[in-house]
Each structure stands twice: as structure tokens, then as C-alpha cells.
Amino acid sequence: MANFINPDDKQKIQNILTEISNSMTRSEAEADYIKECLLRMEDEFGLPKKYMRKVARIFHKQNISEEQANFEEVSDIYESIVG
């Protein structure tokens, strides 16, 4: 497949790969920052990271109603199997 790459396009492709790599680096840094924030909330306020990650996601998406409906559905399925 590599033999089919037009030599004129090679630099363009490398530039795009560099852009992707730079974006991945930024994403990794942001993920690290989020972890630090979650740890800070746990340390300062005793709020478990596991739950605060979910709360942060809901806060970001502003979709608490959808999350509640999903939980109800899961709960109903669980109760029909176990209960």
C-alpha cells in the first residue's frame, strides 16, 4: 500500500500525522488535568473520583434526565432478573 502513495502527497500526509500527534498530546494533557481535578475533589471534599467523574460528564453534557432514565431502565431489568 505504501508504494501507492504519491510522492507529492508524502509531505502533506506527514503534516497531517503531525497534527494528529499534536492533538493526541493535548488530549493526554487534558486527561491528566481531569485526573488531577478529580483527585483534588476527593482530597478536599471527600467526593469519590469514581462518582465525580460521572457527575462531571453529566454536568458537561447537561443530560441528567437521560442518565436518570437510563438508570431506571437498568434498575428495572436488574429487578426483573434478580428480584
N, C-alpha and C. Protein backbone atom coordinates (compact mmCIF):
# COMPACT_ATOMS: atom_id res chain seq x y z
N MET A 1 0.83 -1.19 0.00
CA MET A 1 0.00 0.00 0.00
C MET A 1 0.87 1.25 0.00
N ALA A 2 1.96 1.24 0.76
CA ALA A 2 2.83 2.42 0.84
C ALA A 2 3.41 2.78 -0.51
N ASN A 3 3.57 1.81 -1.37
CA ASN A 3 4.11 2.08 -2.70
C ASN A 3 3.15 2.88 -3.57
N PHE A 4 1.90 2.94 -3.15
CA PHE A 4 0.90 3.64 -3.95
C PHE A 4 0.77 5.11 -3.55
N ILE A 5 1.48 5.53 -2.52
CA ILE A 5 1.41 6.92 -2.08
C ILE A 5 2.16 7.80 -3.07
N ASN A 6 1.46 8.76 -3.55
CA ASN A 6 2.03 9.71 -4.49
C ASN A 6 3.14 10.49 -3.77
N PRO A 7 4.35 10.51 -4.32
CA PRO A 7 5.45 11.24 -3.68
C PRO A 7 5.12 12.70 -3.38
N ASP A 8 4.29 13.31 -4.21
CA ASP A 8 3.89 14.70 -3.97
C ASP A 8 3.01 14.83 -2.72
N ASP A 9 2.33 13.74 -2.35
CA ASP A 9 1.43 13.77 -1.20
C ASP A 9 2.13 13.37 0.10
N LYS A 10 3.31 12.83 0.00
CA LYS A 10 4.00 12.31 1.17
C LYS A 10 4.16 13.37 2.27
N GLN A 11 4.61 14.56 1.92
CA GLN A 11 4.80 15.62 2.92
C GLN A 11 3.47 16.06 3.50
N LYS A 12 2.44 16.14 2.67
CA LYS A 12 1.12 16.52 3.15
C LYS A 12 0.62 15.51 4.19
N ILE A 13 0.84 14.24 3.92
CA ILE A 13 0.41 13.18 4.83
C ILE A 13 1.20 13.27 6.14
N GLN A 14 2.50 13.52 6.03
CA GLN A 14 3.32 13.66 7.24
C GLN A 14 2.86 14.86 8.07
N ASN A 15 2.48 15.93 7.41
CA ASN A 15 1.98 17.12 8.12
C ASN A 15 0.68 16.80 8.87
N ILE A 16 -0.19 16.06 8.22
CA ILE A 16 -1.45 15.68 8.87
C ILE A 16 -1.16 14.76 10.06
N LEU A 17 -0.24 13.83 9.90
CA LEU A 17 0.13 12.96 11.01
C LEU A 17 0.70 13.76 12.18
N THR A 18 1.45 14.79 11.88
CA THR A 18 1.98 15.66 12.93
C THR A 18 0.84 16.37 13.65
N GLU A 19 -0.14 16.85 12.91
CA GLU A 19 -1.30 17.50 13.51
C GLU A 19 -2.05 16.53 14.43
N ILE A 20 -2.22 15.29 13.97
CA ILE A 20 -2.90 14.27 14.78
C ILE A 20 -2.11 14.00 16.06
N SER A 21 -0.80 13.86 15.93
CA SER A 21 0.04 13.61 17.08
C SER A 21 -0.04 14.77 18.08
N ASN A 22 -0.01 15.98 17.59
CA ASN A 22 -0.13 17.15 18.46
C ASN A 22 -1.47 17.16 19.19
N SER A 23 -2.53 16.80 18.48
CA SER A 23 -3.85 16.73 19.09
C SER A 23 -3.89 15.65 20.18
N MET A 24 -3.28 14.52 19.91
CA MET A 24 -3.22 13.44 20.90
C MET A 24 -2.46 13.88 22.15
N THR A 25 -1.40 14.63 21.95
CA THR A 25 -0.63 15.15 23.08
C THR A 25 -1.49 16.07 23.94
N ARG A 26 -2.25 16.94 23.28
CA ARG A 26 -3.15 17.84 24.03
C ARG A 26 -4.22 17.04 24.77
N SER A 27 -4.77 16.02 24.12
CA SER A 27 -5.79 15.19 24.75
C SER A 27 -5.25 14.49 25.99
N GLU A 28 -4.04 13.97 25.89
CA GLU A 28 -3.41 13.30 27.03
C GLU A 28 -3.21 14.29 28.18
N ALA A 29 -2.78 15.50 27.85
CA ALA A 29 -2.58 16.52 28.88
C ALA A 29 -3.90 16.88 29.55
N GLU A 30 -4.95 17.01 28.78
CA GLU A 30 -6.27 17.32 29.34
C GLU A 30 -6.77 16.18 30.22
N ALA A 31 -6.54 14.94 29.80
CA ALA A 31 -6.95 13.79 30.61
C ALA A 31 -6.20 13.79 31.95
N ASP A 32 -4.93 14.12 31.92
CA ASP A 32 -4.15 14.22 33.16
C ASP A 32 -4.70 15.32 34.05
N TYR A 33 -5.08 16.44 33.46
CA TYR A 33 -5.64 17.54 34.24
C TYR A 33 -6.96 17.13 34.90
N ILE A 34 -7.78 16.43 34.16
CA ILE A 34 -9.05 15.96 34.71
C ILE A 34 -8.80 15.03 35.90
N LYS A 35 -7.83 14.14 35.77
CA LYS A 35 -7.49 13.23 36.88
C LYS A 35 -7.05 14.03 38.10
N GLU A 36 -6.24 15.06 37.89
CA GLU A 36 -5.79 15.91 38.99
C GLU A 36 -6.97 16.60 39.67
N CYS A 37 -7.91 17.09 38.89
CA CYS A 37 -9.09 17.75 39.45
C CYS A 37 -9.92 16.77 40.26
N LEU A 38 -10.09 15.56 39.75
CA LEU A 38 -10.86 14.55 40.46
C LEU A 38 -10.19 14.18 41.78
N LEU A 39 -8.87 14.07 41.75
CA LEU A 39 -8.12 13.78 42.99
C LEU A 39 -8.28 14.92 43.99
N ARG A 40 -8.26 16.15 43.50
CA ARG A 40 -8.40 17.31 44.37
C ARG A 40 -9.77 17.32 45.04
N MET A 41 -10.82 17.00 44.28
CA MET A 41 -12.16 16.95 44.87
C MET A 41 -12.25 15.83 45.91
N GLU A 42 -11.59 14.73 45.63
CA GLU A 42 -11.60 13.64 46.60
C GLU A 42 -10.85 14.03 47.87
N ASP A 43 -9.68 14.62 47.70
CA ASP A 43 -8.86 15.01 48.86
C ASP A 43 -9.51 16.13 49.67
N GLU A 44 -10.01 17.16 48.99
CA GLU A 44 -10.53 18.33 49.69
C GLU A 44 -11.94 18.15 50.22
N PHE A 45 -12.76 17.37 49.51
CA PHE A 45 -14.17 17.29 49.86
C PHE A 45 -14.66 15.88 50.18
N GLY A 46 -13.78 14.89 50.01
CA GLY A 46 -14.17 13.51 50.27
C GLY A 46 -15.12 12.94 49.24
N LEU A 47 -15.16 13.54 48.05
CA LEU A 47 -16.04 13.07 46.98
C LEU A 47 -15.30 12.03 46.14
N PRO A 48 -15.82 10.80 46.07
CA PRO A 48 -15.12 9.73 45.35
C PRO A 48 -14.93 10.04 43.86
N LYS A 49 -13.70 9.83 43.39
CA LYS A 49 -13.36 10.08 41.97
C LYS A 49 -14.33 9.36 41.05
N LYS A 50 -14.60 8.11 41.38
CA LYS A 50 -15.46 7.27 40.54
C LYS A 50 -16.79 7.96 40.25
N TYR A 51 -17.39 8.55 41.28
CA TYR A 51 -18.68 9.19 41.10
C TYR A 51 -18.55 10.60 40.52
N MET A 52 -17.52 11.29 40.92
CA MET A 52 -17.36 12.66 40.43
C MET A 52 -17.02 12.71 38.95
N ARG A 53 -16.35 11.69 38.45
CA ARG A 53 -16.12 11.63 37.00
C ARG A 53 -17.46 11.57 36.26
N LYS A 54 -18.36 10.75 36.80
CA LYS A 54 -19.69 10.62 36.20
C LYS A 54 -20.47 11.94 36.33
N VAL A 55 -20.41 12.55 37.51
CA VAL A 55 -21.09 13.82 37.73
C VAL A 55 -20.54 14.88 36.76
N ALA A 56 -19.23 14.92 36.59
CA ALA A 56 -18.62 15.89 35.68
C ALA A 56 -19.09 15.66 34.25
N ARG A 57 -19.19 14.40 33.85
CA ARG A 57 -19.65 14.09 32.49
C ARG A 57 -21.09 14.55 32.31
N ILE A 58 -21.94 14.29 33.32
CA ILE A 58 -23.33 14.72 33.25
C ILE A 58 -23.41 16.25 33.24
N PHE A 59 -22.60 16.89 34.08
CA PHE A 59 -22.56 18.35 34.13
C PHE A 59 -22.17 18.92 32.77
N HIS A 60 -21.19 18.32 32.15
CA HIS A 60 -20.73 18.78 30.84
C HIS A 60 -21.80 18.61 29.77
N LYS A 61 -22.43 17.44 29.75
CA LYS A 61 -23.43 17.15 28.72
C LYS A 61 -24.81 17.71 29.05
N GLN A 62 -24.99 18.11 30.32
CA GLN A 62 -26.29 18.60 30.78
C GLN A 62 -27.41 17.61 30.44
N ASN A 63 -27.19 16.34 30.82
CA ASN A 63 -28.15 15.30 30.46
C ASN A 63 -28.59 14.45 31.65
N ILE A 64 -28.83 15.09 32.79
CA ILE A 64 -29.21 14.34 33.99
C ILE A 64 -30.51 13.55 33.77
N SER A 65 -31.47 14.12 33.07
CA SER A 65 -32.74 13.40 32.82
C SER A 65 -32.50 12.11 32.05
N GLU A 66 -31.66 12.19 31.04
CA GLU A 66 -31.34 11.00 30.25
C GLU A 66 -30.63 9.95 31.10
N GLU A 67 -29.70 10.39 31.93
CA GLU A 67 -28.98 9.47 32.81
C GLU A 67 -29.92 8.81 33.81
N GLN A 68 -30.85 9.58 34.36
CA GLN A 68 -31.82 9.02 35.30
C GLN A 68 -32.71 7.99 34.61
N ALA A 69 -33.13 8.28 33.40
CA ALA A 69 -33.96 7.34 32.65
C ALA A 69 -33.18 6.06 32.36
N ASN A 70 -31.91 6.20 31.99
CA ASN A 70 -31.09 5.01 31.74
C ASN A 70 -30.94 4.17 33.00
N PHE A 71 -30.72 4.85 34.14
CA PHE A 71 -30.58 4.11 35.38
C PHE A 71 -31.86 3.37 35.73
N GLU A 72 -32.99 4.02 35.52
CA GLU A 72 -34.28 3.37 35.80
C GLU A 72 -34.44 2.13 34.93
N GLU A 73 -34.05 2.23 33.67
CA GLU A 73 -34.16 1.09 32.75
C GLU A 73 -33.28 -0.06 33.24
N VAL A 74 -32.04 0.26 33.60
CA VAL A 74 -31.12 -0.76 34.10
C VAL A 74 -31.67 -1.37 35.39
N SER A 75 -32.19 -0.53 36.26
CA SER A 75 -32.73 -1.00 37.52
C SER A 75 -33.92 -1.93 37.29
N ASP A 76 -34.79 -1.56 36.37
CA ASP A 76 -35.94 -2.40 36.04
C ASP A 76 -35.50 -3.76 35.49
N ILE A 77 -34.52 -3.75 34.62
CA ILE A 77 -34.02 -5.01 34.05
C ILE A 77 -33.41 -5.86 35.16
N TYR A 78 -32.62 -5.23 36.01
CA TYR A 78 -31.99 -5.96 37.12
C TYR A 78 -33.05 -6.58 38.02
N GLU A 79 -34.05 -5.79 38.39
CA GLU A 79 -35.12 -6.29 39.26
C GLU A 79 -35.89 -7.43 38.62
N SER A 80 -36.09 -7.37 37.31
CA SER A 80 -36.83 -8.44 36.64
C SER A 80 -36.03 -9.74 36.59
N ILE A 81 -34.71 -9.63 36.66
CA ILE A 81 -33.85 -10.81 36.63
C ILE A 81 -33.61 -11.33 38.04
N VAL A 82 -33.26 -10.44 38.95
CA VAL A 82 -32.82 -10.84 40.30
C VAL A 82 -33.95 -10.80 41.31
N GLY A 83 -34.79 -9.77 41.19
CA GLY A 83 -35.82 -9.53 42.21
C GLY A 83 -36.97 -10.41 42.08
